[in-house]
Amino acid sequence: MADQWSDLGTEYNPNDDGRALGWEDTIEHDSPDFVILPEGDYDFEIIDFERGRHNGSEKLPPCHKAIVHVKVEGKEGTTIIKHNLFLHSKTEGMVCAFFTAIGLRKKGEPFKMNWPAVPGSKGRCKVGIRKWKNDEGKEMTFNEIKKFYEPDAQQAMFTPGTF
């Protein structure tokens, strides 16, 4: 995974808890610049995903969730968007759209979710900007995935290495 993040100026591993720094340690790894991309359509790559649990809310009961790390590049820079896919029948359409967008599922056909195949997959999505106020009243802004697009019919019919 580290090589996929090297252009962000740091290595990334969501499962790495790191280590505590000592008071006299040498430091060298800068954080990547935080980039907010303008709303629009972008190509993406899935860098990684985490298995998680949704504890339930007013709109959705408790269920499993996949937290996908979506790398999106624009002329302003590169950002990583963490997107939750709730594994519940109420949100099944969104999960289907995701697997269709990355080319693992054909629209309208049953599909057994294949999570090990997700990292490294690519597709196209609509990115939006979300603003909200935190508990202290400070306005926060970040990118979010609004929609995953179905691959183009011509692109879906093309298999590299065949004619």
N, C-alpha and C. Protein backbone atom coordinates (compact mmCIF):
# COMPACT_ATOMS: atom_id res chain seq x y z
N MET A 1 0.79 -1.21 0.00
CA MET A 1 0.00 0.00 0.00
C MET A 1 0.84 1.28 0.00
N ALA A 2 2.01 1.25 0.59
CA ALA A 2 2.79 2.48 0.79
C ALA A 2 3.09 3.18 -0.52
N ASP A 3 3.41 2.42 -1.60
CA ASP A 3 3.77 3.07 -2.85
C ASP A 3 2.60 3.85 -3.43
N GLN A 4 1.36 3.48 -3.16
CA GLN A 4 0.21 4.20 -3.67
C GLN A 4 0.04 5.56 -3.00
N TRP A 5 0.65 5.74 -1.85
CA TRP A 5 0.52 6.99 -1.11
C TRP A 5 1.76 7.86 -1.21
N SER A 6 2.80 7.38 -1.91
CA SER A 6 4.06 8.10 -1.90
C SER A 6 3.93 9.49 -2.50
N ASP A 7 3.00 9.69 -3.45
CA ASP A 7 2.84 11.02 -4.02
C ASP A 7 2.16 11.98 -3.05
N LEU A 8 1.69 11.49 -1.93
CA LEU A 8 1.09 12.36 -0.91
C LEU A 8 2.13 12.81 0.11
N GLY A 9 3.36 12.38 -0.04
CA GLY A 9 4.42 12.82 0.85
C GLY A 9 4.56 11.99 2.11
N THR A 10 3.83 10.93 2.23
CA THR A 10 3.92 10.08 3.41
C THR A 10 3.44 8.68 3.06
N GLU A 11 3.82 7.72 3.85
CA GLU A 11 3.29 6.38 3.66
C GLU A 11 2.03 6.25 4.49
N TYR A 12 1.07 5.50 3.99
CA TYR A 12 -0.21 5.36 4.67
C TYR A 12 -0.52 3.90 4.89
N ASN A 13 -0.90 3.57 6.09
CA ASN A 13 -1.36 2.23 6.40
C ASN A 13 -2.41 2.39 7.49
N PRO A 14 -3.70 2.20 7.15
CA PRO A 14 -4.75 2.41 8.14
C PRO A 14 -4.68 1.44 9.32
N ASN A 15 -3.96 0.35 9.16
CA ASN A 15 -3.85 -0.63 10.24
C ASN A 15 -2.61 -0.42 11.10
N ASP A 16 -1.80 0.58 10.76
CA ASP A 16 -0.58 0.87 11.49
C ASP A 16 -0.88 1.87 12.60
N ASP A 17 -0.70 1.47 13.84
CA ASP A 17 -0.93 2.37 14.97
C ASP A 17 0.25 3.28 15.21
N GLY A 18 1.33 3.10 14.42
CA GLY A 18 2.50 3.94 14.57
C GLY A 18 3.24 3.66 15.86
N ARG A 19 3.96 4.67 16.33
CA ARG A 19 4.69 4.53 17.59
C ARG A 19 4.73 5.88 18.27
N ALA A 20 4.87 5.85 19.54
CA ALA A 20 5.00 7.09 20.31
C ALA A 20 6.36 7.70 20.03
N LEU A 21 6.39 9.01 19.91
CA LEU A 21 7.66 9.72 19.70
C LEU A 21 8.25 10.12 21.05
N GLY A 22 9.56 10.04 21.14
CA GLY A 22 10.25 10.52 22.33
C GLY A 22 10.49 12.02 22.25
N TRP A 23 10.75 12.65 23.36
CA TRP A 23 10.95 14.10 23.40
C TRP A 23 12.15 14.54 22.56
N GLU A 24 13.13 13.68 22.40
CA GLU A 24 14.35 14.04 21.68
C GLU A 24 14.46 13.35 20.32
N ASP A 25 13.38 12.68 19.85
CA ASP A 25 13.42 11.98 18.56
C ASP A 25 13.60 12.96 17.40
N THR A 26 14.14 12.45 16.30
CA THR A 26 14.23 13.21 15.06
C THR A 26 12.96 12.96 14.27
N ILE A 27 12.36 14.03 13.74
CA ILE A 27 11.15 13.91 12.94
C ILE A 27 11.43 14.36 11.52
N GLU A 28 10.70 13.77 10.54
CA GLU A 28 10.96 14.12 9.15
C GLU A 28 9.75 14.01 8.24
N HIS A 29 8.70 13.30 8.61
CA HIS A 29 7.58 13.02 7.71
C HIS A 29 6.50 14.08 7.83
N ASP A 30 6.46 14.99 6.84
CA ASP A 30 5.42 16.03 6.81
C ASP A 30 4.08 15.41 6.47
N SER A 31 3.01 16.04 6.92
CA SER A 31 1.67 15.63 6.54
C SER A 31 1.39 16.12 5.13
N PRO A 32 0.60 15.36 4.38
CA PRO A 32 0.23 15.88 3.05
C PRO A 32 -0.66 17.11 3.22
N ASP A 33 -0.59 18.01 2.23
CA ASP A 33 -1.46 19.18 2.28
C ASP A 33 -2.90 18.73 2.18
N PHE A 34 -3.78 19.38 2.94
CA PHE A 34 -5.20 19.07 2.91
C PHE A 34 -5.80 19.79 1.72
N VAL A 35 -6.39 19.05 0.80
CA VAL A 35 -6.93 19.61 -0.44
C VAL A 35 -8.44 19.41 -0.47
N ILE A 36 -9.17 20.48 -0.75
CA ILE A 36 -10.60 20.40 -1.03
C ILE A 36 -10.76 20.58 -2.53
N LEU A 37 -11.26 19.55 -3.20
CA LEU A 37 -11.48 19.63 -4.63
C LEU A 37 -12.83 20.29 -4.90
N PRO A 38 -12.94 21.03 -6.02
CA PRO A 38 -14.24 21.59 -6.39
C PRO A 38 -15.22 20.47 -6.71
N GLU A 39 -16.51 20.74 -6.55
CA GLU A 39 -17.52 19.75 -6.90
C GLU A 39 -17.38 19.39 -8.37
N GLY A 40 -17.60 18.13 -8.67
CA GLY A 40 -17.52 17.70 -10.07
C GLY A 40 -17.30 16.21 -10.19
N ASP A 41 -17.09 15.77 -11.41
CA ASP A 41 -16.88 14.36 -11.73
C ASP A 41 -15.38 14.08 -11.83
N TYR A 42 -14.95 13.00 -11.19
CA TYR A 42 -13.52 12.67 -11.13
C TYR A 42 -13.33 11.16 -11.27
N ASP A 43 -12.16 10.79 -11.82
CA ASP A 43 -11.72 9.41 -11.76
C ASP A 43 -11.21 9.16 -10.34
N PHE A 44 -11.32 7.92 -9.90
CA PHE A 44 -10.84 7.59 -8.55
C PHE A 44 -10.14 6.24 -8.55
N GLU A 45 -9.39 6.01 -7.47
CA GLU A 45 -8.79 4.71 -7.20
C GLU A 45 -9.04 4.38 -5.74
N ILE A 46 -9.41 3.14 -5.48
CA ILE A 46 -9.60 2.71 -4.09
C ILE A 46 -8.23 2.30 -3.56
N ILE A 47 -7.79 3.01 -2.54
CA ILE A 47 -6.48 2.75 -1.93
C ILE A 47 -6.58 1.59 -0.94
N ASP A 48 -7.65 1.57 -0.17
CA ASP A 48 -7.81 0.56 0.86
C ASP A 48 -9.23 0.60 1.36
N PHE A 49 -9.59 -0.34 2.23
CA PHE A 49 -10.87 -0.29 2.91
C PHE A 49 -10.70 -0.88 4.30
N GLU A 50 -11.59 -0.48 5.18
CA GLU A 50 -11.60 -1.01 6.55
C GLU A 50 -12.97 -1.62 6.81
N ARG A 51 -13.00 -2.65 7.60
CA ARG A 51 -14.28 -3.21 8.05
C ARG A 51 -14.65 -2.48 9.34
N GLY A 52 -15.89 -2.03 9.41
CA GLY A 52 -16.34 -1.30 10.59
C GLY A 52 -17.75 -1.70 10.96
N ARG A 53 -18.25 -1.00 11.94
CA ARG A 53 -19.60 -1.28 12.44
C ARG A 53 -20.33 0.04 12.64
N HIS A 54 -21.54 0.11 12.11
CA HIS A 54 -22.42 1.25 12.33
C HIS A 54 -23.27 0.91 13.56
N ASN A 55 -23.26 1.77 14.55
CA ASN A 55 -23.96 1.48 15.80
C ASN A 55 -25.45 1.74 15.75
N GLY A 56 -25.94 2.23 14.64
CA GLY A 56 -27.35 2.52 14.50
C GLY A 56 -27.60 4.01 14.63
N SER A 57 -28.65 4.46 13.98
CA SER A 57 -29.02 5.87 14.02
C SER A 57 -30.53 5.96 13.82
N GLU A 58 -31.01 7.17 13.75
CA GLU A 58 -32.44 7.40 13.54
C GLU A 58 -32.90 6.80 12.21
N LYS A 59 -32.01 6.85 11.20
CA LYS A 59 -32.38 6.41 9.86
C LYS A 59 -31.99 4.97 9.52
N LEU A 60 -31.00 4.42 10.23
CA LEU A 60 -30.47 3.11 9.86
C LEU A 60 -30.12 2.30 11.11
N PRO A 61 -30.61 1.07 11.20
CA PRO A 61 -30.28 0.24 12.36
C PRO A 61 -28.82 -0.20 12.33
N PRO A 62 -28.33 -0.80 13.42
CA PRO A 62 -26.94 -1.28 13.45
C PRO A 62 -26.66 -2.26 12.30
N CYS A 63 -25.46 -2.15 11.74
CA CYS A 63 -25.07 -3.04 10.64
C CYS A 63 -23.55 -2.92 10.43
N HIS A 64 -23.02 -3.81 9.62
CA HIS A 64 -21.62 -3.71 9.21
C HIS A 64 -21.48 -2.53 8.26
N LYS A 65 -20.25 -2.00 8.17
CA LYS A 65 -19.97 -0.98 7.16
C LYS A 65 -18.55 -1.16 6.66
N ALA A 66 -18.37 -0.81 5.39
CA ALA A 66 -17.04 -0.77 4.80
C ALA A 66 -16.67 0.70 4.68
N ILE A 67 -15.48 1.04 5.13
CA ILE A 67 -14.97 2.41 5.00
C ILE A 67 -13.93 2.35 3.90
N VAL A 68 -14.29 2.85 2.71
CA VAL A 68 -13.38 2.80 1.58
C VAL A 68 -12.59 4.09 1.51
N HIS A 69 -11.30 3.97 1.25
CA HIS A 69 -10.39 5.11 1.12
C HIS A 69 -10.25 5.40 -0.38
N VAL A 70 -10.88 6.48 -0.82
CA VAL A 70 -10.99 6.81 -2.24
C VAL A 70 -10.00 7.92 -2.57
N LYS A 71 -9.03 7.62 -3.43
CA LYS A 71 -8.04 8.61 -3.86
C LYS A 71 -8.57 9.31 -5.10
N VAL A 72 -8.67 10.64 -5.02
CA VAL A 72 -9.18 11.44 -6.12
C VAL A 72 -8.17 12.53 -6.43
N GLU A 73 -7.84 12.68 -7.72
CA GLU A 73 -6.88 13.69 -8.13
C GLU A 73 -7.56 14.74 -8.98
N GLY A 74 -7.21 15.99 -8.69
CA GLY A 74 -7.68 17.13 -9.48
C GLY A 74 -6.51 18.06 -9.73
N LYS A 75 -6.73 19.13 -10.49
CA LYS A 75 -5.61 20.06 -10.73
C LYS A 75 -5.18 20.75 -9.46
N GLU A 76 -6.04 20.79 -8.45
CA GLU A 76 -5.71 21.42 -7.17
C GLU A 76 -4.83 20.53 -6.31
N GLY A 77 -4.79 19.24 -6.64
CA GLY A 77 -4.01 18.29 -5.85
C GLY A 77 -4.74 16.98 -5.70
N THR A 78 -4.29 16.19 -4.75
CA THR A 78 -4.84 14.87 -4.49
C THR A 78 -5.46 14.85 -3.10
N THR A 79 -6.61 14.20 -3.00
CA THR A 79 -7.25 14.05 -1.70
C THR A 79 -7.69 12.61 -1.53
N ILE A 80 -7.80 12.20 -0.29
CA ILE A 80 -8.32 10.88 0.05
C ILE A 80 -9.65 11.10 0.77
N ILE A 81 -10.70 10.52 0.23
CA ILE A 81 -12.03 10.65 0.81
C ILE A 81 -12.39 9.32 1.45
N LYS A 82 -12.72 9.34 2.72
CA LYS A 82 -13.21 8.13 3.38
C LYS A 82 -14.72 8.08 3.17
N HIS A 83 -15.19 7.00 2.55
CA HIS A 83 -16.60 6.86 2.21
C HIS A 83 -17.16 5.61 2.89
N ASN A 84 -18.26 5.77 3.60
CA ASN A 84 -18.90 4.65 4.28
C ASN A 84 -19.89 3.95 3.35
N LEU A 85 -19.79 2.65 3.27
CA LEU A 85 -20.78 1.82 2.58
C LEU A 85 -21.44 0.96 3.65
N PHE A 86 -22.69 1.26 3.94
CA PHE A 86 -23.42 0.55 4.99
C PHE A 86 -23.99 -0.74 4.39
N LEU A 87 -23.68 -1.85 5.02
CA LEU A 87 -24.11 -3.16 4.53
C LEU A 87 -25.46 -3.52 5.12
N HIS A 88 -26.49 -2.91 4.54
CA HIS A 88 -27.86 -3.09 5.00
C HIS A 88 -28.77 -3.07 3.78
N SER A 89 -29.88 -3.78 3.85
CA SER A 89 -30.79 -3.84 2.71
C SER A 89 -31.33 -2.45 2.32
N LYS A 90 -31.42 -1.51 3.27
CA LYS A 90 -31.89 -0.15 2.96
C LYS A 90 -30.91 0.60 2.07
N THR A 91 -29.63 0.24 2.12
CA THR A 91 -28.61 0.94 1.35
C THR A 91 -27.97 0.03 0.29
N GLU A 92 -28.63 -1.08 0.00
CA GLU A 92 -28.07 -2.05 -0.96
C GLU A 92 -27.82 -1.43 -2.33
N GLY A 93 -28.67 -0.51 -2.76
CA GLY A 93 -28.48 0.15 -4.05
C GLY A 93 -27.16 0.90 -4.13
N MET A 94 -26.76 1.53 -3.01
CA MET A 94 -25.48 2.26 -3.00
C MET A 94 -24.30 1.30 -3.06
N VAL A 95 -24.42 0.17 -2.39
CA VAL A 95 -23.35 -0.84 -2.43
C VAL A 95 -23.26 -1.42 -3.83
N CYS A 96 -24.41 -1.69 -4.47
CA CYS A 96 -24.42 -2.18 -5.85
C CYS A 96 -23.77 -1.16 -6.78
N ALA A 97 -24.09 0.13 -6.62
CA ALA A 97 -23.52 1.18 -7.47
C ALA A 97 -21.99 1.21 -7.32
N PHE A 98 -21.50 1.02 -6.11
CA PHE A 98 -20.05 1.02 -5.87
C PHE A 98 -19.39 -0.12 -6.63
N PHE A 99 -19.88 -1.35 -6.44
CA PHE A 99 -19.26 -2.50 -7.09
C PHE A 99 -19.41 -2.45 -8.61
N THR A 100 -20.49 -1.84 -9.10
CA THR A 100 -20.66 -1.65 -10.54
C THR A 100 -19.64 -0.64 -11.04
N ALA A 101 -19.45 0.46 -10.31
CA ALA A 101 -18.52 1.52 -10.72
C ALA A 101 -17.09 1.02 -10.84
N ILE A 102 -16.69 0.10 -9.98
CA ILE A 102 -15.31 -0.40 -10.02
C ILE A 102 -15.17 -1.61 -10.95
N GLY A 103 -16.25 -1.95 -11.65
CA GLY A 103 -16.19 -2.99 -12.67
C GLY A 103 -16.25 -4.42 -12.17
N LEU A 104 -16.59 -4.62 -10.91
CA LEU A 104 -16.68 -5.99 -10.39
C LEU A 104 -18.08 -6.58 -10.54
N ARG A 105 -19.07 -5.74 -10.74
CA ARG A 105 -20.46 -6.18 -10.83
C ARG A 105 -21.07 -5.62 -12.12
N LYS A 106 -21.93 -6.40 -12.73
CA LYS A 106 -22.67 -5.94 -13.89
C LYS A 106 -24.05 -5.49 -13.40
N LYS A 107 -24.46 -4.28 -13.81
CA LYS A 107 -25.73 -3.73 -13.35
C LYS A 107 -26.87 -4.70 -13.61
N GLY A 108 -27.71 -4.87 -12.58
CA GLY A 108 -28.88 -5.72 -12.69
C GLY A 108 -28.64 -7.18 -12.40
N GLU A 109 -27.39 -7.56 -12.15
CA GLU A 109 -27.10 -8.97 -11.90
C GLU A 109 -26.71 -9.19 -10.44
N PRO A 110 -27.09 -10.34 -9.86
CA PRO A 110 -26.67 -10.65 -8.50
C PRO A 110 -25.15 -10.73 -8.43
N PHE A 111 -24.59 -10.38 -7.28
CA PHE A 111 -23.14 -10.35 -7.13
C PHE A 111 -22.79 -10.60 -5.67
N LYS A 112 -21.87 -11.53 -5.42
CA LYS A 112 -21.36 -11.76 -4.08
C LYS A 112 -20.22 -10.77 -3.86
N MET A 113 -20.34 -9.93 -2.84
CA MET A 113 -19.35 -8.89 -2.59
C MET A 113 -17.96 -9.52 -2.43
N ASN A 114 -16.99 -8.95 -3.14
CA ASN A 114 -15.62 -9.47 -3.16
C ASN A 114 -14.69 -8.38 -2.63
N TRP A 115 -14.60 -8.22 -1.32
CA TRP A 115 -13.84 -7.14 -0.71
C TRP A 115 -12.34 -7.22 -0.97
N PRO A 116 -11.71 -8.42 -1.03
CA PRO A 116 -10.27 -8.44 -1.32
C PRO A 116 -9.93 -7.86 -2.69
N ALA A 117 -10.87 -7.82 -3.62
CA ALA A 117 -10.62 -7.27 -4.95
C ALA A 117 -10.79 -5.76 -5.01
N VAL A 118 -11.25 -5.14 -3.94
CA VAL A 118 -11.55 -3.70 -3.95
C VAL A 118 -10.29 -2.82 -3.99
N PRO A 119 -9.27 -3.03 -3.14
CA PRO A 119 -8.09 -2.16 -3.22
C PRO A 119 -7.43 -2.20 -4.60
N GLY A 120 -7.13 -1.02 -5.12
CA GLY A 120 -6.53 -0.90 -6.44
C GLY A 120 -7.53 -0.73 -7.56
N SER A 121 -8.81 -0.96 -7.28
CA SER A 121 -9.82 -0.81 -8.33
C SER A 121 -10.05 0.67 -8.63
N LYS A 122 -10.55 0.94 -9.84
CA LYS A 122 -10.73 2.31 -10.29
C LYS A 122 -12.12 2.50 -10.86
N GLY A 123 -12.54 3.77 -10.91
CA GLY A 123 -13.84 4.10 -11.47
C GLY A 123 -13.99 5.60 -11.58
N ARG A 124 -15.24 6.03 -11.65
CA ARG A 124 -15.56 7.46 -11.77
C ARG A 124 -16.68 7.78 -10.80
N CYS A 125 -16.60 8.99 -10.21
CA CYS A 125 -17.59 9.39 -9.21
C CYS A 125 -17.87 10.88 -9.27
N LYS A 126 -18.94 11.27 -8.61
CA LYS A 126 -19.27 12.69 -8.43
C LYS A 126 -18.82 13.05 -7.02
N VAL A 127 -17.99 14.09 -6.93
CA VAL A 127 -17.49 14.58 -5.66
C VAL A 127 -18.24 15.86 -5.30
N GLY A 128 -18.65 15.95 -4.05
CA GLY A 128 -19.31 17.15 -3.56
C GLY A 128 -18.53 17.76 -2.41
N ILE A 129 -19.01 18.89 -1.94
CA ILE A 129 -18.41 19.55 -0.78
C ILE A 129 -19.46 19.57 0.32
N ARG A 130 -19.04 19.16 1.50
CA ARG A 130 -19.95 19.15 2.65
C ARG A 130 -19.44 20.12 3.69
N LYS A 131 -20.34 20.93 4.21
CA LYS A 131 -20.00 21.86 5.28
C LYS A 131 -20.90 21.56 6.48
N TRP A 132 -20.31 21.60 7.66
CA TRP A 132 -21.07 21.40 8.88
C TRP A 132 -20.35 22.08 10.03
N LYS A 133 -21.04 22.24 11.12
CA LYS A 133 -20.44 22.86 12.31
C LYS A 133 -20.18 21.77 13.34
N ASN A 134 -18.96 21.82 13.90
CA ASN A 134 -18.61 20.84 14.93
C ASN A 134 -19.24 21.25 16.27
N ASP A 135 -18.95 20.50 17.31
CA ASP A 135 -19.55 20.77 18.62
C ASP A 135 -19.20 22.14 19.18
N GLU A 136 -18.06 22.70 18.74
CA GLU A 136 -17.65 24.03 19.21
C GLU A 136 -18.20 25.14 18.33
N GLY A 137 -18.98 24.79 17.30
CA GLY A 137 -19.55 25.78 16.41
C GLY A 137 -18.64 26.19 15.26
N LYS A 138 -17.48 25.53 15.14
CA LYS A 138 -16.56 25.85 14.06
C LYS A 138 -17.03 25.17 12.78
N GLU A 139 -17.06 25.93 11.65
CA GLU A 139 -17.48 25.36 10.38
C GLU A 139 -16.38 24.49 9.81
N MET A 140 -16.74 23.29 9.40
CA MET A 140 -15.81 22.33 8.82
C MET A 140 -16.22 22.09 7.36
N THR A 141 -15.23 21.91 6.49
CA THR A 141 -15.48 21.66 5.08
C THR A 141 -14.66 20.45 4.65
N PHE A 142 -15.28 19.56 3.91
CA PHE A 142 -14.56 18.41 3.39
C PHE A 142 -15.26 17.89 2.14
N ASN A 143 -14.54 17.08 1.36
CA ASN A 143 -15.13 16.44 0.18
C ASN A 143 -15.86 15.18 0.58
N GLU A 144 -16.88 14.85 -0.20
CA GLU A 144 -17.62 13.61 -0.01
C GLU A 144 -17.99 13.05 -1.37
N ILE A 145 -18.18 11.74 -1.42
CA ILE A 145 -18.63 11.09 -2.64
C ILE A 145 -20.15 11.19 -2.68
N LYS A 146 -20.67 11.76 -3.76
CA LYS A 146 -22.12 11.91 -3.93
C LYS A 146 -22.72 10.75 -4.71
N LYS A 147 -21.93 10.22 -5.67
CA LYS A 147 -22.46 9.18 -6.55
C LYS A 147 -21.30 8.44 -7.21
N PHE A 148 -21.49 7.14 -7.40
CA PHE A 148 -20.56 6.34 -8.19
C PHE A 148 -21.20 6.10 -9.55
N TYR A 149 -20.42 6.31 -10.61
CA TYR A 149 -20.94 6.16 -11.96
C TYR A 149 -20.68 4.77 -12.52
N GLU A 150 -21.62 4.31 -13.33
CA GLU A 150 -21.47 3.06 -14.05
C GLU A 150 -20.38 3.25 -15.10
N PRO A 151 -19.52 2.25 -15.33
CA PRO A 151 -18.51 2.40 -16.38
C PRO A 151 -19.18 2.60 -17.74
N ASP A 152 -18.52 3.33 -18.63
CA ASP A 152 -19.03 3.51 -19.99
C ASP A 152 -19.17 2.15 -20.65
N ALA A 153 -20.18 2.01 -21.50
CA ALA A 153 -20.42 0.74 -22.18
C ALA A 153 -19.22 0.33 -23.01
N GLN A 154 -18.58 1.27 -23.73
CA GLN A 154 -17.41 0.94 -24.53
C GLN A 154 -16.25 0.49 -23.65
N GLN A 155 -16.07 1.20 -22.52
CA GLN A 155 -14.98 0.86 -21.60
C GLN A 155 -15.23 -0.51 -21.00
N ALA A 156 -16.48 -0.82 -20.64
CA ALA A 156 -16.81 -2.10 -20.02
C ALA A 156 -16.60 -3.25 -21.00
N MET A 157 -16.76 -2.99 -22.31
CA MET A 157 -16.61 -4.05 -23.31
C MET A 157 -15.16 -4.29 -23.67
N PHE A 158 -14.26 -3.38 -23.34
CA PHE A 158 -12.85 -3.51 -23.70
C PHE A 158 -12.10 -4.32 -22.65
N THR A 159 -11.40 -5.34 -23.09
CA THR A 159 -10.55 -6.12 -22.21
C THR A 159 -9.12 -5.94 -22.68
N PRO A 160 -8.23 -5.39 -21.84
CA PRO A 160 -6.84 -5.18 -22.27
C PRO A 160 -6.23 -6.48 -22.79
N GLY A 161 -5.49 -6.37 -23.90
CA GLY A 161 -4.80 -7.53 -24.46
C GLY A 161 -5.63 -8.32 -25.48
N THR A 162 -6.90 -7.90 -25.68
CA THR A 162 -7.73 -8.61 -26.66
C THR A 162 -8.14 -7.63 -27.75
N PHE A 163 -8.48 -8.18 -28.90
CA PHE A 163 -8.90 -7.34 -30.03
C PHE A 163 -10.18 -7.87 -30.61
